[in-house]
């Protein structure tokens, strides 16, 4: 909780209003992180208090889509934490190869950098044509960006370094077309991806999958919501399926810990037990 009791009350009321009005549930997100981002949003909406923001939210339909950019964290990069992708190549892909078809769920896919990284990896491993990806997020604007797969060319050098460190077997330039200071990725992979709005706070499992990659999402949830999300992943995974988390996330002290075994502990890759 903050040092301002009024702010804490207003934040609870704001999140309740969002849930009742728009059916998006942020009530179990980490309060500290959420409060910081909403404070940043106040001047953007010309509001001095959360009560003023709530009034605008309830009566101006244009406000909520804009506020979603602050309620959700859209920070990603291609092949982020290269060791994770290298571990997938070396240790997980050989086992995925034993399945006639493969389903991968990228939960909290944000603007798509991780999704397209995985698609490139599976293509290079000869598994692209038999892999179906589910890319989900609660932010419609982020999903549109993920589907477009267009990123500023100023980010490409970083993406390329990550790609090579992650064990890339070609050149990242093979997978994008550059024009007008932007790079358009992975046109040939888009038929293999299903994009969908899905909330780990309120929605259910929608398919059986072989790998769930949900990285740097759980850190924004409180303990109860982390347990709920991990329960969804457990229920979605096939027997001995795989779960990948972010570098600052783990299963310790969660209700899911008894359902997973360490697989590549250093890269936070687990296997359903």
C-alpha atoms as a PDB file:
ATOM      1  CA  UNK A   1       0.000   0.000   0.000  1.00  0.00           C
ATOM      2  CA  UNK A   2       1.090   3.596  -0.582  1.00  0.00           C
ATOM      3  CA  UNK A   3       1.625   6.316   1.991  1.00  0.00           C
ATOM      4  CA  UNK A   4      -1.552   8.001   0.757  1.00  0.00           C
ATOM      5  CA  UNK A   5      -4.638   6.183   2.099  1.00  0.00           C
ATOM      6  CA  UNK A   6      -6.958   8.182  -0.171  1.00  0.00           C
ATOM      7  CA  UNK A   7      -4.999   7.084  -3.240  1.00  0.00           C
ATOM      8  CA  UNK A   8      -5.254   3.439  -2.137  1.00  0.00           C
ATOM      9  CA  UNK A   9      -9.030   3.725  -1.753  1.00  0.00           C
ATOM     10  CA  UNK A  10      -9.398   5.448  -5.100  1.00  0.00           C
ATOM     11  CA  UNK A  11      -7.234   2.805  -6.790  1.00  0.00           C
ATOM     12  CA  UNK A  12      -9.444  -0.006  -5.478  1.00  0.00           C
ATOM     13  CA  UNK A  13     -12.545   1.821  -6.682  1.00  0.00           C
ATOM     14  CA  UNK A  14     -10.987   2.474 -10.085  1.00  0.00           C
ATOM     15  CA  UNK A  15     -10.059  -1.178 -10.605  1.00  0.00           C
ATOM     16  CA  UNK A  16     -13.533  -2.269  -9.475  1.00  0.00           C
ATOM     17  CA  UNK A  17     -15.090   0.174 -11.940  1.00  0.00           C
ATOM     18  CA  UNK A  18     -12.925  -1.205 -14.761  1.00  0.00           C
ATOM     19  CA  UNK A  19     -14.010  -4.730 -13.902  1.00  0.00           C
ATOM     20  CA  UNK A  20     -17.720  -3.881 -13.714  1.00  0.00           C
ATOM     21  CA  UNK A  21     -17.742  -1.657 -16.803  1.00  0.00           C
ATOM     22  CA  UNK A  22     -15.299  -3.420 -19.132  1.00  0.00           C
ATOM     23  CA  UNK A  23     -14.917  -6.942 -17.629  1.00  0.00           C
ATOM     24  CA  UNK A  24     -11.140  -6.603 -17.403  1.00  0.00           C
ATOM     25  CA  UNK A  25      -9.899  -7.693 -13.992  1.00  0.00           C
ATOM     26  CA  UNK A  26      -6.810  -5.899 -12.668  1.00  0.00           C
ATOM     27  CA  UNK A  27      -7.796  -6.252  -9.012  1.00  0.00           C
ATOM     28  CA  UNK A  28      -5.178  -8.925  -8.329  1.00  0.00           C
ATOM     29  CA  UNK A  29      -2.314  -7.252 -10.122  1.00  0.00           C
ATOM     30  CA  UNK A  30       0.696  -6.077  -8.128  1.00  0.00           C
ATOM     31  CA  UNK A  31      -0.442  -2.863  -6.451  1.00  0.00           C
ATOM     32  CA  UNK A  32       2.976  -1.227  -6.415  1.00  0.00           C
ATOM     33  CA  UNK A  33       3.575  -1.626 -10.142  1.00  0.00           C
ATOM     34  CA  UNK A  34       0.000  -0.756 -11.095  1.00  0.00           C
ATOM     35  CA  UNK A  35      -0.072   2.356  -8.926  1.00  0.00           C
ATOM     36  CA  UNK A  36       3.156   3.627 -10.456  1.00  0.00           C
ATOM     37  CA  UNK A  37       1.849   3.266 -14.001  1.00  0.00           C
ATOM     38  CA  UNK A  38      -1.508   4.850 -13.224  1.00  0.00           C
ATOM     39  CA  UNK A  39       0.214   7.822 -11.616  1.00  0.00           C
ATOM     40  CA  UNK A  40       2.052   8.264 -14.915  1.00  0.00           C
ATOM     41  CA  UNK A  41      -1.291   8.206 -16.734  1.00  0.00           C
ATOM     42  CA  UNK A  42      -2.986  10.925 -14.671  1.00  0.00           C
ATOM     43  CA  UNK A  43      -1.424  13.959 -16.402  1.00  0.00           C
ATOM     44  CA  UNK A  44      -1.985  12.360 -19.813  1.00  0.00           C
ATOM     45  CA  UNK A  45      -5.727  12.357 -19.117  1.00  0.00           C
ATOM     46  CA  UNK A  46      -5.590  15.822 -17.490  1.00  0.00           C
ATOM     47  CA  UNK A  47      -6.688  14.391 -14.156  1.00  0.00           C
ATOM     48  CA  UNK A  48      -5.422  15.330 -10.700  1.00  0.00           C
ATOM     49  CA  UNK A  49      -6.991  12.372  -8.859  1.00  0.00           C
ATOM     50  CA  UNK A  50      -8.002   8.803  -9.577  1.00  0.00           C
ATOM     51  CA  UNK A  51     -11.604   9.791  -8.882  1.00  0.00           C
ATOM     52  CA  UNK A  52     -11.450  12.219 -11.792  1.00  0.00           C
ATOM     53  CA  UNK A  53      -9.953   9.484 -13.961  1.00  0.00           C
ATOM     54  CA  UNK A  54     -12.687   7.077 -12.891  1.00  0.00           C
ATOM     55  CA  UNK A  55     -15.362   9.598 -13.853  1.00  0.00           C
ATOM     56  CA  UNK A  56     -13.838   9.977 -17.318  1.00  0.00           C
ATOM     57  CA  UNK A  57     -13.405   6.215 -17.626  1.00  0.00           C
ATOM     58  CA  UNK A  58     -17.081   5.553 -16.932  1.00  0.00           C
ATOM     59  CA  UNK A  59     -18.472   8.262 -19.197  1.00  0.00           C
ATOM     60  CA  UNK A  60     -16.029   8.526 -22.096  1.00  0.00           C
ATOM     61  CA  UNK A  61     -15.680   5.275 -24.087  1.00  0.00           C
ATOM     62  CA  UNK A  62     -12.436   6.509 -25.665  1.00  0.00           C
ATOM     63  CA  UNK A  63     -10.603   6.595 -22.348  1.00  0.00           C
ATOM     64  CA  UNK A  64     -10.363   2.889 -21.552  1.00  0.00           C
ATOM     65  CA  UNK A  65      -8.470   1.799 -24.702  1.00  0.00           C
ATOM     66  CA  UNK A  66      -5.947   4.565 -24.017  1.00  0.00           C
ATOM     67  CA  UNK A  67      -5.679   3.652 -20.339  1.00  0.00           C
ATOM     68  CA  UNK A  68      -4.976   0.024 -21.275  1.00  0.00           C
ATOM     69  CA  UNK A  69      -1.563   1.139 -22.505  1.00  0.00           C
ATOM     70  CA  UNK A  70      -0.742   2.033 -18.885  1.00  0.00           C
ATOM     71  CA  UNK A  71      -2.515  -0.871 -17.202  1.00  0.00           C
ATOM     72  CA  UNK A  72      -0.521  -3.403 -19.211  1.00  0.00           C
ATOM     73  CA  UNK A  73       3.247  -3.493 -19.672  1.00  0.00           C
ATOM     74  CA  UNK A  74       4.369  -3.636 -23.307  1.00  0.00           C
ATOM     75  CA  UNK A  75       8.114  -4.154 -22.978  1.00  0.00           C
ATOM     76  CA  UNK A  76       9.669  -6.844 -25.130  1.00  0.00           C
ATOM     77  CA  UNK A  77      12.363  -7.578 -27.682  1.00  0.00           C
ATOM     78  CA  UNK A  78      13.150 -10.370 -30.087  1.00  0.00           C
ATOM     79  CA  UNK A  79      15.077 -13.272 -28.547  1.00  0.00           C
ATOM     80  CA  UNK A  80      15.086 -11.483 -25.199  1.00  0.00           C
ATOM     81  CA  UNK A  81      17.321 -13.399 -22.766  1.00  0.00           C
ATOM     82  CA  UNK A  82      19.032 -15.403 -25.545  1.00  0.00           C
ATOM     83  CA  UNK A  83      19.940 -18.212 -23.156  1.00  0.00           C
ATOM     84  CA  UNK A  84      16.260 -19.071 -22.831  1.00  0.00           C
ATOM     85  CA  UNK A  85      15.849 -19.595 -26.572  1.00  0.00           C
ATOM     86  CA  UNK A  86      19.131 -21.484 -26.797  1.00  0.00           C
ATOM     87  CA  UNK A  87      17.933 -23.832 -24.045  1.00  0.00           C
ATOM     88  CA  UNK A  88      14.664 -24.371 -25.915  1.00  0.00           C
ATOM     89  CA  UNK A  89      16.621 -25.298 -29.052  1.00  0.00           C
ATOM     90  CA  UNK A  90      18.973 -27.651 -27.274  1.00  0.00           C
ATOM     91  CA  UNK A  91      16.742 -29.315 -24.712  1.00  0.00           C
ATOM     92  CA  UNK A  92      13.040 -28.795 -25.488  1.00  0.00           C
ATOM     93  CA  UNK A  93      12.865 -28.906 -29.280  1.00  0.00           C
ATOM     94  CA  UNK A  94      14.292 -32.476 -29.505  1.00  0.00           C
ATOM     95  CA  UNK A  95      11.353 -33.670 -27.409  1.00  0.00           C
ATOM     96  CA  UNK A  96       8.802 -31.548 -29.251  1.00  0.00           C
ATOM     97  CA  UNK A  97      10.093 -33.147 -32.440  1.00  0.00           C
ATOM     98  CA  UNK A  98       8.568 -36.462 -31.342  1.00  0.00           C
ATOM     99  CA  UNK A  99       5.025 -35.093 -31.750  1.00  0.00           C
ATOM    100  CA  UNK A 100       3.304 -35.218 -35.171  1.00  0.00           C
ATOM    101  CA  UNK A 101       1.926 -31.718 -34.555  1.00  0.00           C
ATOM    102  CA  UNK A 102       2.905 -29.086 -32.002  1.00  0.00           C
ATOM    103  CA  UNK A 103       0.945 -26.347 -30.265  1.00  0.00           C
ATOM    104  CA  UNK A 104       2.651 -23.450 -28.495  1.00  0.00           C
ATOM    105  CA  UNK A 105       0.840 -20.893 -26.350  1.00  0.00           C
ATOM    106  CA  UNK A 106       2.535 -17.493 -26.010  1.00  0.00           C
ATOM    107  CA  UNK A 107       0.579 -16.054 -23.084  1.00  0.00           C
ATOM    108  CA  UNK A 108       0.807 -12.297 -22.636  1.00  0.00           C
ATOM    109  CA  UNK A 109       2.336 -11.964 -26.095  1.00  0.00           C
ATOM    110  CA  UNK A 110       2.449  -8.142 -25.926  1.00  0.00           C
ATOM    111  CA  UNK A 111       3.546  -6.686 -29.274  1.00  0.00           C
ATOM    112  CA  UNK A 112       4.725 -10.034 -30.618  1.00  0.00           C
ATOM    113  CA  UNK A 113       8.514 -10.013 -30.397  1.00  0.00           C
ATOM    114  CA  UNK A 114       8.663 -13.286 -28.447  1.00  0.00           C
ATOM    115  CA  UNK A 115       6.047 -14.914 -30.666  1.00  0.00           C
ATOM    116  CA  UNK A 116       7.992 -14.243 -33.851  1.00  0.00           C
ATOM    117  CA  UNK A 117      11.230 -15.290 -32.167  1.00  0.00           C
ATOM    118  CA  UNK A 118       9.695 -18.666 -31.386  1.00  0.00           C
ATOM    119  CA  UNK A 119       8.286 -18.953 -34.896  1.00  0.00           C
ATOM    120  CA  UNK A 120      11.721 -18.299 -36.399  1.00  0.00           C
ATOM    121  CA  UNK A 121      13.310 -20.819 -34.037  1.00  0.00           C
ATOM    122  CA  UNK A 122      10.783 -23.544 -34.887  1.00  0.00           C
ATOM    123  CA  UNK A 123      11.232 -22.834 -38.604  1.00  0.00           C
ATOM    124  CA  UNK A 124      14.997 -23.214 -38.317  1.00  0.00           C
ATOM    125  CA  UNK A 125      14.528 -26.468 -36.442  1.00  0.00           C
ATOM    126  CA  UNK A 126      12.410 -27.838 -39.285  1.00  0.00           C
ATOM    127  CA  UNK A 127       9.210 -27.792 -37.235  1.00  0.00           C
ATOM    128  CA  UNK A 128       7.571 -24.647 -38.557  1.00  0.00           C
ATOM    129  CA  UNK A 129       4.990 -26.305 -40.773  1.00  0.00           C
ATOM    130  CA  UNK A 130       3.678 -28.559 -38.037  1.00  0.00           C
ATOM    131  CA  UNK A 131       3.552 -25.924 -35.303  1.00  0.00           C
ATOM    132  CA  UNK A 132       0.479 -23.883 -34.425  1.00  0.00           C
ATOM    133  CA  UNK A 133       0.923 -20.843 -32.192  1.00  0.00           C
ATOM    134  CA  UNK A 134      -1.675 -19.288 -29.923  1.00  0.00           C
ATOM    135  CA  UNK A 135      -0.745 -15.670 -29.184  1.00  0.00           C
ATOM    136  CA  UNK A 136      -2.898 -14.127 -26.462  1.00  0.00           C
ATOM    137  CA  UNK A 137      -3.043 -10.843 -24.597  1.00  0.00           C
ATOM    138  CA  UNK A 138      -5.649  -8.628 -22.920  1.00  0.00           C
ATOM    139  CA  UNK A 139      -4.584  -5.515 -24.816  1.00  0.00           C
ATOM    140  CA  UNK A 140      -6.273  -5.276 -28.253  1.00  0.00           C
ATOM    141  CA  UNK A 141      -3.807  -2.658 -29.467  1.00  0.00           C
ATOM    142  CA  UNK A 142      -0.861  -4.884 -28.519  1.00  0.00           C
ATOM    143  CA  UNK A 143      -2.448  -7.815 -30.355  1.00  0.00           C
ATOM    144  CA  UNK A 144      -2.844  -5.701 -33.484  1.00  0.00           C
ATOM    145  CA  UNK A 145       0.827  -4.722 -33.247  1.00  0.00           C
ATOM    146  CA  UNK A 146       1.829  -8.356 -32.754  1.00  0.00           C
ATOM    147  CA  UNK A 147      -0.131  -9.431 -35.809  1.00  0.00           C
ATOM    148  CA  UNK A 148       1.344  -6.626 -37.914  1.00  0.00           C
ATOM    149  CA  UNK A 149       4.895  -7.637 -36.840  1.00  0.00           C
ATOM    150  CA  UNK A 150       6.369  -4.288 -37.848  1.00  0.00           C
ATOM    151  CA  UNK A 151       9.188  -2.879 -35.717  1.00  0.00           C
ATOM    152  CA  UNK A 152      11.439   0.193 -36.021  1.00  0.00           C
ATOM    153  CA  UNK A 153      14.686  -0.500 -37.854  1.00  0.00           C
ATOM    154  CA  UNK A 154      16.572   1.124 -34.966  1.00  0.00           C
ATOM    155  CA  UNK A 155      15.774  -1.980 -32.918  1.00  0.00           C
ATOM    156  CA  UNK A 156      17.048  -4.464 -35.495  1.00  0.00           C
ATOM    157  CA  UNK A 157      20.717  -4.425 -34.446  1.00  0.00           C
ATOM    158  CA  UNK A 158      19.714  -5.441 -30.913  1.00  0.00           C
ATOM    159  CA  UNK A 159      17.346  -8.100 -32.257  1.00  0.00           C
ATOM    160  CA  UNK A 160      20.140  -9.453 -34.469  1.00  0.00           C
ATOM    161  CA  UNK A 161      22.614  -9.700 -31.591  1.00  0.00           C
ATOM    162  CA  UNK A 162      20.062 -11.570 -29.519  1.00  0.00           C
ATOM    163  CA  UNK A 163      19.229 -13.874 -32.423  1.00  0.00           C
ATOM    164  CA  UNK A 164      22.841 -14.945 -32.901  1.00  0.00           C
ATOM    165  CA  UNK A 165      23.382 -15.398 -29.156  1.00  0.00           C
ATOM    166  CA  UNK A 166      20.237 -17.536 -29.051  1.00  0.00           C
ATOM    167  CA  UNK A 167      21.689 -19.991 -31.552  1.00  0.00           C
ATOM    168  CA  UNK A 168      20.243 -18.605 -34.775  1.00  0.00           C
ATOM    169  CA  UNK A 169      21.433 -20.599 -37.760  1.00  0.00           C
ATOM    170  CA  UNK A 170      21.044 -17.968 -40.499  1.00  0.00           C
ATOM    171  CA  UNK A 171      20.756 -14.193 -40.565  1.00  0.00           C
ATOM    172  CA  UNK A 172      17.839 -12.382 -38.974  1.00  0.00           C
ATOM    173  CA  UNK A 173      17.611 -10.304 -42.155  1.00  0.00           C
ATOM    174  CA  UNK A 174      16.269 -13.436 -43.871  1.00  0.00           C
ATOM    175  CA  UNK A 175      13.039 -12.988 -41.933  1.00  0.00           C
ATOM    176  CA  UNK A 176      12.105  -9.358 -42.493  1.00  0.00           C
ATOM    177  CA  UNK A 177      11.591  -6.802 -45.221  1.00  0.00           C
ATOM    178  CA  UNK A 178      12.844  -3.304 -44.429  1.00  0.00           C
ATOM    179  CA  UNK A 179      11.303  -0.107 -45.801  1.00  0.00           C
ATOM    180  CA  UNK A 180      10.557   3.399 -44.547  1.00  0.00           C
ATOM    181  CA  UNK A 181      12.500   2.991 -41.276  1.00  0.00           C
ATOM    182  CA  UNK A 182      10.544  -0.114 -40.324  1.00  0.00           C
ATOM    183  CA  UNK A 183      11.065  -3.861 -40.611  1.00  0.00           C
ATOM    184  CA  UNK A 184       8.154  -6.162 -41.424  1.00  0.00           C
ATOM    185  CA  UNK A 185       8.671  -9.654 -40.047  1.00  0.00           C
ATOM    186  CA  UNK A 186       7.522 -13.167 -40.650  1.00  0.00           C
ATOM    187  CA  UNK A 187       4.897 -12.834 -43.345  1.00  0.00           C
ATOM    188  CA  UNK A 188       5.240 -16.513 -44.193  1.00  0.00           C
ATOM    189  CA  UNK A 189       4.570 -17.532 -40.573  1.00  0.00           C
ATOM    190  CA  UNK A 190       1.319 -15.650 -40.014  1.00  0.00           C
ATOM    191  CA  UNK A 191      -0.916 -18.478 -41.231  1.00  0.00           C
ATOM    192  CA  UNK A 192       0.381 -20.572 -38.323  1.00  0.00           C
ATOM    193  CA  UNK A 193      -0.709 -18.101 -35.615  1.00  0.00           C
ATOM    194  CA  UNK A 194      -4.058 -17.645 -33.904  1.00  0.00           C
ATOM    195  CA  UNK A 195      -4.335 -14.263 -32.156  1.00  0.00           C
ATOM    196  CA  UNK A 196      -6.888 -13.960 -29.370  1.00  0.00           C
ATOM    197  CA  UNK A 197      -7.887 -11.745 -26.474  1.00  0.00           C
ATOM    198  CA  UNK A 198      -7.434 -13.860 -23.352  1.00  0.00           C
ATOM    199  CA  UNK A 199      -7.177 -12.869 -19.699  1.00  0.00           C
ATOM    200  CA  UNK A 200      -5.219 -14.979 -17.251  1.00  0.00           C
ATOM    201  CA  UNK A 201      -7.326 -13.354 -14.516  1.00  0.00           C
ATOM    202  CA  UNK A 202     -10.777 -14.348 -15.783  1.00  0.00           C
ATOM    203  CA  UNK A 203     -10.637 -16.738 -18.766  1.00  0.00           C
ATOM    204  CA  UNK A 204     -10.247 -20.504 -18.973  1.00  0.00           C
ATOM    205  CA  UNK A 205      -8.066 -22.977 -20.825  1.00  0.00           C
ATOM    206  CA  UNK A 206      -8.931 -23.076 -24.538  1.00  0.00           C
ATOM    207  CA  UNK A 207      -6.658 -25.785 -25.964  1.00  0.00           C
ATOM    208  CA  UNK A 208      -4.163 -28.519 -25.144  1.00  0.00           C
ATOM    209  CA  UNK A 209      -0.599 -27.365 -25.876  1.00  0.00           C
ATOM    210  CA  UNK A 210       2.942 -28.713 -25.721  1.00  0.00           C
ATOM    211  CA  UNK A 211       4.731 -25.545 -24.646  1.00  0.00           C
ATOM    212  CA  UNK A 212       3.551 -22.480 -22.751  1.00  0.00           C
ATOM    213  CA  UNK A 213       5.870 -19.487 -22.916  1.00  0.00           C
ATOM    214  CA  UNK A 214       4.734 -16.790 -20.490  1.00  0.00           C
ATOM    215  CA  UNK A 215       7.671 -14.591 -19.648  1.00  0.00           C
ATOM    216  CA  UNK A 216       7.758 -11.449 -17.516  1.00  0.00           C
ATOM    217  CA  UNK A 217       3.997 -11.482 -16.953  1.00  0.00           C
ATOM    218  CA  UNK A 218       3.633 -13.141 -13.545  1.00  0.00           C
ATOM    219  CA  UNK A 219       5.848 -10.489 -11.930  1.00  0.00           C
ATOM    220  CA  UNK A 220       2.936  -8.065 -12.317  1.00  0.00           C
ATOM    221  CA  UNK A 221       0.464 -10.369 -10.506  1.00  0.00           C
ATOM    222  CA  UNK A 222      -0.111 -10.869  -6.805  1.00  0.00           C
ATOM    223  CA  UNK A 223       0.346 -14.349  -5.315  1.00  0.00           C
ATOM    224  CA  UNK A 224      -3.259 -15.440  -5.820  1.00  0.00           C
ATOM    225  CA  UNK A 225      -3.355 -14.460  -9.474  1.00  0.00           C
ATOM    226  CA  UNK A 226       0.007 -16.114 -10.072  1.00  0.00           C
ATOM    227  CA  UNK A 227      -1.470 -19.359  -8.745  1.00  0.00           C
ATOM    228  CA  UNK A 228      -4.490 -18.983 -11.032  1.00  0.00           C
ATOM    229  CA  UNK A 229      -2.367 -18.384 -14.129  1.00  0.00           C
ATOM    230  CA  UNK A 230      -0.035 -21.283 -13.340  1.00  0.00           C
ATOM    231  CA  UNK A 231      -3.079 -23.496 -12.838  1.00  0.00           C
ATOM    232  CA  UNK A 232      -4.240 -22.600 -16.351  1.00  0.00           C
ATOM    233  CA  UNK A 233      -0.840 -23.475 -17.764  1.00  0.00           C
ATOM    234  CA  UNK A 234      -0.806 -26.801 -15.912  1.00  0.00           C
ATOM    235  CA  UNK A 235      -4.266 -27.685 -17.235  1.00  0.00           C
ATOM    236  CA  UNK A 236      -3.390 -26.639 -20.791  1.00  0.00           C
ATOM    237  CA  UNK A 237      -0.162 -28.632 -21.048  1.00  0.00           C
ATOM    238  CA  UNK A 238      -0.013 -32.188 -22.307  1.00  0.00           C
ATOM    239  CA  UNK A 239       1.581 -34.747 -20.030  1.00  0.00           C
ATOM    240  CA  UNK A 240       5.283 -33.841 -19.766  1.00  0.00           C
ATOM    241  CA  UNK A 241       4.684 -30.573 -21.619  1.00  0.00           C
ATOM    242  CA  UNK A 242       6.890 -27.540 -21.011  1.00  0.00           C
ATOM    243  CA  UNK A 243       6.501 -24.172 -19.313  1.00  0.00           C
ATOM    244  CA  UNK A 244       8.878 -21.253 -19.798  1.00  0.00           C
ATOM    245  CA  UNK A 245       8.893 -18.280 -17.411  1.00  0.00           C
ATOM    246  CA  UNK A 246      10.831 -15.017 -17.216  1.00  0.00           C
ATOM    247  CA  UNK A 247      14.255 -14.679 -15.641  1.00  0.00           C
ATOM    248  CA  UNK A 248      12.817 -13.140 -12.447  1.00  0.00           C
ATOM    249  CA  UNK A 249       9.972 -15.636 -12.117  1.00  0.00           C
ATOM    250  CA  UNK A 250       9.855 -19.137 -10.635  1.00  0.00           C
ATOM    251  CA  UNK A 251       7.473 -21.725  -9.227  1.00  0.00           C
ATOM    252  CA  UNK A 252       8.749 -21.690  -5.670  1.00  0.00           C
ATOM    253  CA  UNK A 253       6.105 -20.905  -3.067  1.00  0.00           C
ATOM    254  CA  UNK A 254       3.288 -21.358  -5.605  1.00  0.00           C
ATOM    255  CA  UNK A 255       0.573 -23.998  -5.617  1.00  0.00           C
ATOM    256  CA  UNK A 256       1.846 -25.176  -9.017  1.00  0.00           C
ATOM    257  CA  UNK A 257       5.282 -26.218  -7.760  1.00  0.00           C
ATOM    258  CA  UNK A 258       4.188 -29.790  -7.053  1.00  0.00           C
ATOM    259  CA  UNK A 259       2.924 -30.178 -10.628  1.00  0.00           C
ATOM    260  CA  UNK A 260       6.165 -29.268 -12.384  1.00  0.00           C
ATOM    261  CA  UNK A 261       9.735 -30.542 -12.415  1.00  0.00           C
ATOM    262  CA  UNK A 262      12.797 -28.409 -13.069  1.00  0.00           C
ATOM    263  CA  UNK A 263      13.942 -29.017 -16.647  1.00  0.00           C
ATOM    264  CA  UNK A 264      16.456 -26.247 -17.372  1.00  0.00           C
ATOM    265  CA  UNK A 265      16.431 -24.411 -14.026  1.00  0.00           C
ATOM    266  CA  UNK A 266      18.910 -21.719 -15.054  1.00  0.00           C
ATOM    267  CA  UNK A 267      16.572 -20.558 -17.833  1.00  0.00           C
ATOM    268  CA  UNK A 268      13.312 -21.081 -15.871  1.00  0.00           C
ATOM    269  CA  UNK A 269      12.073 -23.924 -18.065  1.00  0.00           C
ATOM    270  CA  UNK A 270       9.888 -26.494 -16.341  1.00  0.00           C
ATOM    271  CA  UNK A 271       8.227 -29.759 -17.343  1.00  0.00           C
ATOM    272  CA  UNK A 272       4.787 -30.836 -16.231  1.00  0.00           C
ATOM    273  CA  UNK A 273       5.145 -33.795 -13.887  1.00  0.00           C
END
